[in-house]
Protein backbone atom coordinates (compact mmCIF):
# COMPACT_ATOMS: atom_id res chain seq x y z
CA UNK A 1 -0.12 0.06 0.12
CA UNK A 2 0.94 3.62 -0.06
CA UNK A 3 1.27 5.23 3.76
CA UNK A 4 -0.40 8.93 3.71
CA UNK A 5 1.36 11.45 5.95
CA UNK A 6 -0.23 15.02 6.27
CA UNK A 7 1.03 18.13 7.57
CA UNK A 8 -0.56 20.38 10.19
CA UNK A 9 -1.37 22.95 7.47
CA UNK A 10 -3.26 20.18 5.55
CA UNK A 11 -5.00 19.18 8.68
CA UNK A 12 -5.94 22.74 9.55
CA UNK A 13 -7.12 23.20 6.21
CA UNK A 14 -9.57 19.99 6.47
CA UNK A 15 -10.92 21.45 9.92
CA UNK A 16 -11.47 24.75 8.26
CA UNK A 17 -13.29 23.47 5.21
CA UNK A 18 -14.88 20.24 6.56
CA UNK A 19 -15.83 20.52 10.24
CA UNK A 20 -19.40 21.05 11.05
CA UNK A 21 -20.77 19.82 14.21
CA UNK A 22 -24.23 19.66 12.91
CA UNK A 23 -23.58 17.35 10.03
CA UNK A 24 -21.14 14.62 11.58
CA UNK A 25 -18.53 13.49 9.20
CA UNK A 26 -20.07 14.07 6.03
CA UNK A 27 -18.70 17.58 5.23
CA UNK A 28 -15.29 16.27 6.32
CA UNK A 29 -15.45 13.42 3.94
CA UNK A 30 -16.49 15.85 0.92
CA UNK A 31 -13.73 18.17 1.96
CA UNK A 32 -11.31 15.08 1.77
CA UNK A 33 -12.39 14.09 -1.59
CA UNK A 34 -12.47 17.81 -2.86
CA UNK A 35 -8.84 18.62 -1.71
CA UNK A 36 -7.02 15.29 -1.86
CA UNK A 37 -8.62 12.73 -4.20
CA UNK A 38 -7.65 14.26 -7.58
CA UNK A 39 -4.30 15.42 -6.44
CA UNK A 40 -3.27 12.16 -5.30
CA UNK A 41 -4.79 10.21 -8.01
CA UNK A 42 -2.81 12.48 -10.46
CA UNK A 43 0.52 11.41 -8.57
CA UNK A 44 -0.45 7.74 -8.46
CA UNK A 45 -1.34 7.57 -12.36
CA UNK A 46 1.78 9.42 -13.25
CA UNK A 47 3.97 6.75 -11.24
CA UNK A 48 5.55 9.85 -9.07
CA UNK A 49 4.21 7.94 -6.21
CA UNK A 50 4.15 3.77 -6.12
CA UNK A 51 3.36 1.01 -3.76
CA UNK A 52 5.43 0.92 -0.60
CA UNK A 53 5.98 4.95 -0.73
CA UNK A 54 4.91 7.56 1.53
CA UNK A 55 2.55 10.14 -0.02
CA UNK A 56 3.29 13.38 2.09
CA UNK A 57 0.23 15.87 1.86
CA UNK A 58 0.63 19.83 2.43
CA UNK A 59 -0.47 23.00 1.49
CA UNK A 60 1.78 25.69 -0.45
CA UNK A 61 1.93 29.29 -0.01
CA UNK A 62 -0.86 29.97 -2.36
CA UNK A 63 -3.27 27.55 -0.32
CA UNK A 64 -2.92 24.66 -3.11
CA UNK A 65 -2.76 21.30 -1.75
CA UNK A 66 0.11 19.31 -2.79
CA UNK A 67 1.07 15.73 -2.63
CA UNK A 68 4.66 14.68 -2.98
CA UNK A 69 6.74 11.31 -2.26
CA UNK A 70 8.76 11.24 0.83
CA UNK A 71 11.68 9.02 1.34
CA UNK A 72 10.77 6.05 3.51
CA UNK A 73 13.97 6.22 6.10
CA UNK A 74 13.02 2.91 7.12
CA UNK A 75 13.80 1.20 4.42
CA UNK A 76 17.53 2.56 3.98
CA UNK A 77 20.32 0.47 5.10
CA UNK A 78 21.87 1.29 8.50
CA UNK A 79 24.37 4.26 8.24
CA UNK A 80 22.65 5.71 5.05
CA UNK A 81 21.01 9.38 5.69
């Protein structure tokens, strides 16, 4: 599988756009789909993120959601940084 790691900026954005105590989890689910689904799918379909990778989700200075491949440090041999 692919591990998903998200920044505090992205969490804040999700809360801002998806939190509504009156409606439960539905607005949050819609916010995740709207903010993340297409961007993540594009990275996977272009093979920039593959099986076993860590996909790091962040928000840039312009407020755009970005997904990038993060190096999995656990897979590196000992002594390699």
